[in-house]
Protein backbone atom coordinates (compact mmCIF):
# COMPACT_ATOMS: atom_id res chain seq x y z
CA MET A 1 12.80 -3.86 21.79
CA HIS A 2 13.11 -7.53 20.93
CA GLN A 3 15.59 -9.16 23.34
CA ASN A 4 15.94 -12.82 22.32
CA GLU A 5 17.55 -14.33 19.24
CA GLU A 6 14.34 -15.85 17.88
CA LYS A 7 13.81 -15.48 14.12
CA TYR A 8 10.48 -15.37 12.34
CA ASP A 9 9.37 -16.77 9.00
CA LEU A 10 6.64 -14.17 8.60
CA ILE A 11 6.20 -10.63 9.87
CA LEU A 12 3.16 -8.55 8.89
CA LEU A 13 3.05 -4.75 8.99
CA ASP A 14 -0.56 -3.91 8.14
CA ASN A 15 -0.94 -0.13 7.89
CA VAL A 16 1.81 0.53 10.42
CA LEU A 17 4.75 2.00 8.50
CA GLU A 18 2.98 5.26 7.64
CA HIS A 19 2.62 5.94 11.38
CA VAL A 20 6.29 5.65 12.40
CA LEU A 21 8.76 8.53 12.49
CA ASN A 22 11.69 6.54 11.15
CA PRO A 23 10.48 3.81 8.80
CA LEU A 24 14.02 2.87 7.74
CA GLU A 25 15.03 2.21 11.34
CA THR A 26 11.88 0.15 11.89
CA LEU A 27 12.51 -1.95 8.80
CA THR A 28 16.17 -2.48 9.69
CA LYS A 29 15.15 -3.85 13.08
CA LEU A 30 12.58 -6.12 11.46
CA VAL A 31 15.16 -7.46 9.01
CA SER A 32 17.19 -8.67 11.99
CA LEU A 33 14.14 -10.63 13.17
CA LEU A 34 13.49 -12.41 9.87
CA SER A 35 14.73 -15.94 9.29
CA ALA A 36 16.94 -16.51 6.25
CA LYS A 37 13.89 -17.52 4.19
CA GLY A 38 11.44 -15.25 6.01
CA THR A 39 8.97 -12.85 4.45
CA LEU A 40 8.01 -9.36 5.54
CA ILE A 41 4.59 -8.28 4.26
CA ILE A 42 4.01 -4.54 4.30
CA GLU A 43 0.72 -2.82 3.55
CA VAL A 44 0.68 0.95 3.27
CA PRO A 45 -1.63 3.52 1.70
CA ASN A 46 -0.62 4.36 -1.88
CA ASP A 47 -0.30 8.08 -1.34
CA PHE A 48 0.59 10.71 -3.92
CA SER A 49 -0.32 8.05 -6.48
CA VAL A 50 -0.63 8.66 -10.21
CA VAL A 51 -4.40 8.95 -9.86
CA GLN A 52 -4.27 11.30 -6.88
CA ARG A 53 -1.77 13.62 -8.59
CA TYR A 54 -3.86 13.59 -11.78
CA LEU A 55 -7.04 14.42 -9.86
CA LEU A 56 -5.29 17.31 -8.10
CA ASP A 57 -3.87 18.64 -11.38
CA LYS A 58 -7.30 18.48 -13.04
CA LYS A 59 -8.93 20.09 -9.97
CA LYS A 60 -11.32 17.16 -9.50
CA ILE A 61 -10.38 17.14 -5.81
CA PRO A 62 -9.78 20.30 -3.78
CA ASP A 63 -6.77 19.12 -1.79
CA PRO A 64 -4.62 16.09 -0.96
CA PHE A 65 -7.23 14.54 1.36
CA TRP A 66 -4.92 11.59 2.11
CA VAL A 67 -2.52 13.82 4.06
CA VAL A 68 -3.71 13.17 7.60
CA SER A 69 -1.26 14.74 9.99
CA PRO A 70 -0.43 13.89 12.71
CA ASP A 71 -1.70 10.32 12.16
CA HIS A 72 0.40 9.67 9.07
CA VAL A 73 3.98 10.86 9.32
CA SER A 74 5.36 8.91 6.33
CA TYR A 75 3.88 8.58 2.86
CA PHE A 76 4.55 5.89 0.26
CA ASN A 77 4.03 5.06 -3.36
CA ALA A 78 5.30 1.92 -5.10
CA GLN A 79 8.78 3.21 -5.92
CA GLY A 80 9.24 4.83 -2.52
CA LEU A 81 8.32 1.65 -0.65
CA LYS A 82 10.64 -0.47 -2.78
CA SER A 83 13.54 1.98 -2.37
CA LEU A 84 13.09 2.19 1.39
CA CYS A 85 13.01 -1.59 1.70
CA GLU A 86 16.15 -1.93 -0.42
CA GLN A 87 17.93 0.51 1.92
CA ALA A 88 16.91 -1.72 4.83
CA GLY A 89 18.37 -4.81 3.13
CA LEU A 90 15.16 -6.25 1.73
CA ALA A 91 14.46 -7.57 -1.75
CA GLN A 92 11.00 -7.21 -3.23
CA ALA A 93 9.46 -10.54 -4.17
CA MET A 94 6.07 -9.18 -5.22
CA LEU A 95 4.07 -5.97 -5.09
CA ILE A 96 0.32 -5.83 -5.46
CA SER A 97 -2.29 -3.20 -4.80
CA ASP A 98 -5.96 -3.31 -4.08
CA TYR A 99 -8.92 -1.95 -6.01
CA PRO A 100 -8.34 1.68 -7.09
CA ILE A 101 -11.26 3.22 -5.21
CA ASP A 102 -9.90 6.63 -6.20
CA PHE A 103 -11.39 5.97 -9.66
CA ALA A 104 -14.70 7.05 -8.07
CA LEU A 105 -13.24 10.54 -7.75
CA PHE A 106 -13.39 11.04 -11.53
CA ASN A 107 -17.21 11.11 -11.36
CA GLY A 108 -18.91 14.09 -9.74
CA ASP A 109 -21.70 11.84 -8.45
CA THR A 110 -19.29 9.48 -6.63
CA ASN A 111 -16.55 11.91 -5.66
CA TYR A 112 -16.28 11.18 -1.95
CA ALA A 113 -13.53 13.77 -1.49
CA VAL A 114 -15.96 16.51 -2.48
CA ASP A 115 -19.16 14.93 -1.11
CA LYS A 116 -18.47 12.85 2.00
CA SER A 117 -22.06 11.55 2.02
CA VAL A 118 -21.33 9.24 -0.94
CA GLY A 119 -18.33 7.60 0.73
CA LYS A 120 -20.24 4.69 2.23
CA SER A 121 -21.92 3.76 -1.06
CA VAL A 122 -18.62 4.02 -2.96
CA HIS A 123 -17.01 1.70 -0.42
CA LYS A 124 -19.91 -0.75 -0.69
CA ALA A 125 -19.52 -0.80 -4.49
CA ARG A 126 -15.78 -1.38 -4.09
CA VAL A 127 -16.40 -4.42 -1.87
CA GLU A 128 -18.91 -5.82 -4.33
CA ILE A 129 -16.57 -5.31 -7.31
CA GLU A 130 -13.63 -6.90 -5.49
CA THR A 131 -15.76 -9.85 -4.43
CA LEU A 132 -16.80 -10.40 -8.04
CA ILE A 133 -13.19 -10.17 -9.26
CA HIS A 134 -12.01 -12.71 -6.65
CA THR A 135 -14.91 -15.04 -7.47
CA LEU A 136 -14.06 -15.04 -11.18
CA SER A 137 -10.47 -16.17 -10.65
CA PRO A 138 -8.19 -15.85 -7.62
CA ASP A 139 -5.10 -16.27 -9.83
CA ALA A 140 -6.22 -13.67 -12.35
CA SER A 141 -7.10 -11.37 -9.43
CA ILE A 142 -3.51 -11.50 -8.23
CA ASP A 143 -2.29 -10.74 -11.76
CA LEU A 144 -4.70 -7.80 -11.93
CA TYR A 145 -3.49 -6.43 -8.59
CA LYS A 146 0.13 -6.84 -9.71
CA ALA A 147 -0.69 -4.85 -12.85
CA PHE A 148 -2.44 -2.16 -10.80
CA ALA A 149 0.66 -1.86 -8.59
CA GLU A 150 2.96 -1.71 -11.61
CA LEU A 151 0.88 1.15 -12.99
CA GLY A 152 0.87 2.94 -9.62
CA LEU A 153 -2.87 2.38 -9.16
CA GLY A 154 -4.78 1.14 -6.12
CA ARG A 155 -5.56 2.71 -2.78
CA ASP A 156 -3.20 0.46 -0.82
CA LEU A 157 0.06 -1.27 -1.70
CA ILE A 158 1.00 -4.68 -0.36
CA GLY A 159 4.65 -5.65 -0.70
CA PHE A 160 6.21 -9.04 -0.06
CA PHE A 161 9.88 -8.73 0.84
CA SER A 162 12.67 -11.08 1.85
CA VAL A 163 16.13 -10.56 3.24
CA ASN A 164 18.42 -9.54 0.40
CA ASN A 165 21.12 -12.17 0.72
CA SER A 166 23.12 -10.68 -2.15
CA LEU A 167 24.27 -7.75 0.01
């Protein structure tokens, strides 16, 4: 528990929120630590995404492999993360995602959920593709990742939130 009155301009939760039992309580405490113009950056897995649900419905994956109990106790998609943050008194400034590696699951030869042995090569291809995208244009990359998030695509979501001063 944080005991002093110090406020922070930036707080980063990098793959933390999915591990806590009460994410709303955690976020509410973090809001109290943010300065008036502070930013809370939250990265969480994009679970039960559009792609994952589609792949399950089409039987391209045998089960929801992203459910990893007891490690993950909370699951998020774009709307769920935004709603939770709003409940905690946060306003979303921006939401992006990363490369939708789950696209590899559409191809039987690269379906790492069915054949774990291809996982490393799929990840390597992901890194190479993302490096190329970033090299072409950092600004366009951000726009692309915003569009992915808006569509519900991407393996991880990264939200930028500030204290909602209109409450």
